[in-house]
């Protein structure tokens, strides 16, 4: 038996544009929209790698942000 959340996660795709080992664009959508986005990014960023992968089935939430300040000087 598959839950609605698991079905929704599996049916979505993750499109990423890579500059070497760095991701410069990250997009999540249904398969048809993801394919259109991947095609558009391939034209816009010719020569860069564009991946279109299934969204991972993750039940774990992301780690919370730290409660303390992580730097001494505030941005200007």
C-alpha atoms as a PDB file:
ATOM      1  CA  UNK A   1       0.000   0.000   0.000  1.00  0.00           C
ATOM      2  CA  UNK A   2       1.372   3.411  -0.963  1.00  0.00           C
ATOM      3  CA  UNK A   3       0.547   6.597   0.890  1.00  0.00           C
ATOM      4  CA  UNK A   4      -0.428   9.817  -0.869  1.00  0.00           C
ATOM      5  CA  UNK A   5       2.781  11.505   0.302  1.00  0.00           C
ATOM      6  CA  UNK A   6       4.985   8.737  -1.079  1.00  0.00           C
ATOM      7  CA  UNK A   7       3.102   8.770  -4.388  1.00  0.00           C
ATOM      8  CA  UNK A   8       3.426  12.543  -4.656  1.00  0.00           C
ATOM      9  CA  UNK A   9       7.171  12.391  -3.914  1.00  0.00           C
ATOM     10  CA  UNK A  10       7.805   9.639  -6.447  1.00  0.00           C
ATOM     11  CA  UNK A  11       5.831  11.373  -9.209  1.00  0.00           C
ATOM     12  CA  UNK A  12       7.906  14.554  -8.949  1.00  0.00           C
ATOM     13  CA  UNK A  13      11.223  15.117 -10.733  1.00  0.00           C
ATOM     14  CA  UNK A  14      14.283  17.139  -9.735  1.00  0.00           C
ATOM     15  CA  UNK A  15      16.078  19.046 -12.482  1.00  0.00           C
ATOM     16  CA  UNK A  16      19.528  20.414 -11.766  1.00  0.00           C
ATOM     17  CA  UNK A  17      22.003  22.404 -13.848  1.00  0.00           C
ATOM     18  CA  UNK A  18      25.626  21.667 -13.009  1.00  0.00           C
ATOM     19  CA  UNK A  19      28.682  23.874 -13.444  1.00  0.00           C
ATOM     20  CA  UNK A  20      31.359  21.276 -12.811  1.00  0.00           C
ATOM     21  CA  UNK A  21      30.506  19.843  -9.392  1.00  0.00           C
ATOM     22  CA  UNK A  22      28.385  22.848  -8.363  1.00  0.00           C
ATOM     23  CA  UNK A  23      24.603  23.050  -8.785  1.00  0.00           C
ATOM     24  CA  UNK A  24      23.638  26.447 -10.194  1.00  0.00           C
ATOM     25  CA  UNK A  25      19.902  25.740 -10.657  1.00  0.00           C
ATOM     26  CA  UNK A  26      17.589  23.340  -8.834  1.00  0.00           C
ATOM     27  CA  UNK A  27      13.920  22.830  -9.779  1.00  0.00           C
ATOM     28  CA  UNK A  28      11.257  20.348  -8.615  1.00  0.00           C
ATOM     29  CA  UNK A  29       8.057  19.665 -10.582  1.00  0.00           C
ATOM     30  CA  UNK A  30       5.738  17.077 -12.088  1.00  0.00           C
ATOM     31  CA  UNK A  31       7.388  15.060 -14.893  1.00  0.00           C
ATOM     32  CA  UNK A  32       5.973  17.093 -17.826  1.00  0.00           C
ATOM     33  CA  UNK A  33       7.006  20.461 -16.362  1.00  0.00           C
ATOM     34  CA  UNK A  34      10.378  19.080 -15.305  1.00  0.00           C
ATOM     35  CA  UNK A  35      11.050  17.886 -18.856  1.00  0.00           C
ATOM     36  CA  UNK A  36      10.159  21.312 -20.306  1.00  0.00           C
ATOM     37  CA  UNK A  37      12.407  23.014 -17.745  1.00  0.00           C
ATOM     38  CA  UNK A  38      15.290  20.621 -18.474  1.00  0.00           C
ATOM     39  CA  UNK A  39      14.963  21.286 -22.216  1.00  0.00           C
ATOM     40  CA  UNK A  40      14.916  25.058 -21.645  1.00  0.00           C
ATOM     41  CA  UNK A  41      17.955  24.928 -19.345  1.00  0.00           C
ATOM     42  CA  UNK A  42      19.852  22.771 -21.855  1.00  0.00           C
ATOM     43  CA  UNK A  43      19.330  25.476 -24.489  1.00  0.00           C
ATOM     44  CA  UNK A  44      20.091  28.357 -22.127  1.00  0.00           C
ATOM     45  CA  UNK A  45      23.196  26.773 -20.599  1.00  0.00           C
ATOM     46  CA  UNK A  46      24.568  24.906 -23.609  1.00  0.00           C
ATOM     47  CA  UNK A  47      27.590  22.865 -22.634  1.00  0.00           C
ATOM     48  CA  UNK A  48      26.588  22.432 -18.979  1.00  0.00           C
ATOM     49  CA  UNK A  49      25.245  19.157 -17.622  1.00  0.00           C
ATOM     50  CA  UNK A  50      21.486  19.120 -16.923  1.00  0.00           C
ATOM     51  CA  UNK A  51      20.047  16.215 -14.923  1.00  0.00           C
ATOM     52  CA  UNK A  52      16.389  15.195 -14.579  1.00  0.00           C
ATOM     53  CA  UNK A  53      16.066  12.646 -11.765  1.00  0.00           C
ATOM     54  CA  UNK A  54      13.190  11.273  -9.684  1.00  0.00           C
ATOM     55  CA  UNK A  55      12.779  13.054  -6.363  1.00  0.00           C
ATOM     56  CA  UNK A  56      14.194  10.871  -3.587  1.00  0.00           C
ATOM     57  CA  UNK A  57      11.699   9.233  -1.269  1.00  0.00           C
ATOM     58  CA  UNK A  58      12.806  10.770   2.035  1.00  0.00           C
ATOM     59  CA  UNK A  59      10.786  10.469   5.216  1.00  0.00           C
ATOM     60  CA  UNK A  60      13.317  12.448   7.278  1.00  0.00           C
ATOM     61  CA  UNK A  61      12.980  16.216   7.671  1.00  0.00           C
ATOM     62  CA  UNK A  62      16.080  18.369   7.101  1.00  0.00           C
ATOM     63  CA  UNK A  63      18.255  19.126  10.111  1.00  0.00           C
ATOM     64  CA  UNK A  64      17.150  22.247  11.990  1.00  0.00           C
ATOM     65  CA  UNK A  65      19.183  25.430  11.715  1.00  0.00           C
ATOM     66  CA  UNK A  66      21.485  26.166  14.668  1.00  0.00           C
ATOM     67  CA  UNK A  67      20.045  28.396  17.388  1.00  0.00           C
ATOM     68  CA  UNK A  68      23.223  30.436  17.841  1.00  0.00           C
ATOM     69  CA  UNK A  69      24.798  33.076  15.650  1.00  0.00           C
ATOM     70  CA  UNK A  70      27.340  31.550  13.281  1.00  0.00           C
ATOM     71  CA  UNK A  71      29.422  34.708  12.597  1.00  0.00           C
ATOM     72  CA  UNK A  72      30.704  37.713  14.520  1.00  0.00           C
ATOM     73  CA  UNK A  73      30.015  40.469  12.009  1.00  0.00           C
ATOM     74  CA  UNK A  74      26.591  41.144  10.505  1.00  0.00           C
ATOM     75  CA  UNK A  75      26.407  41.601   6.715  1.00  0.00           C
ATOM     76  CA  UNK A  76      26.330  45.170   5.418  1.00  0.00           C
END
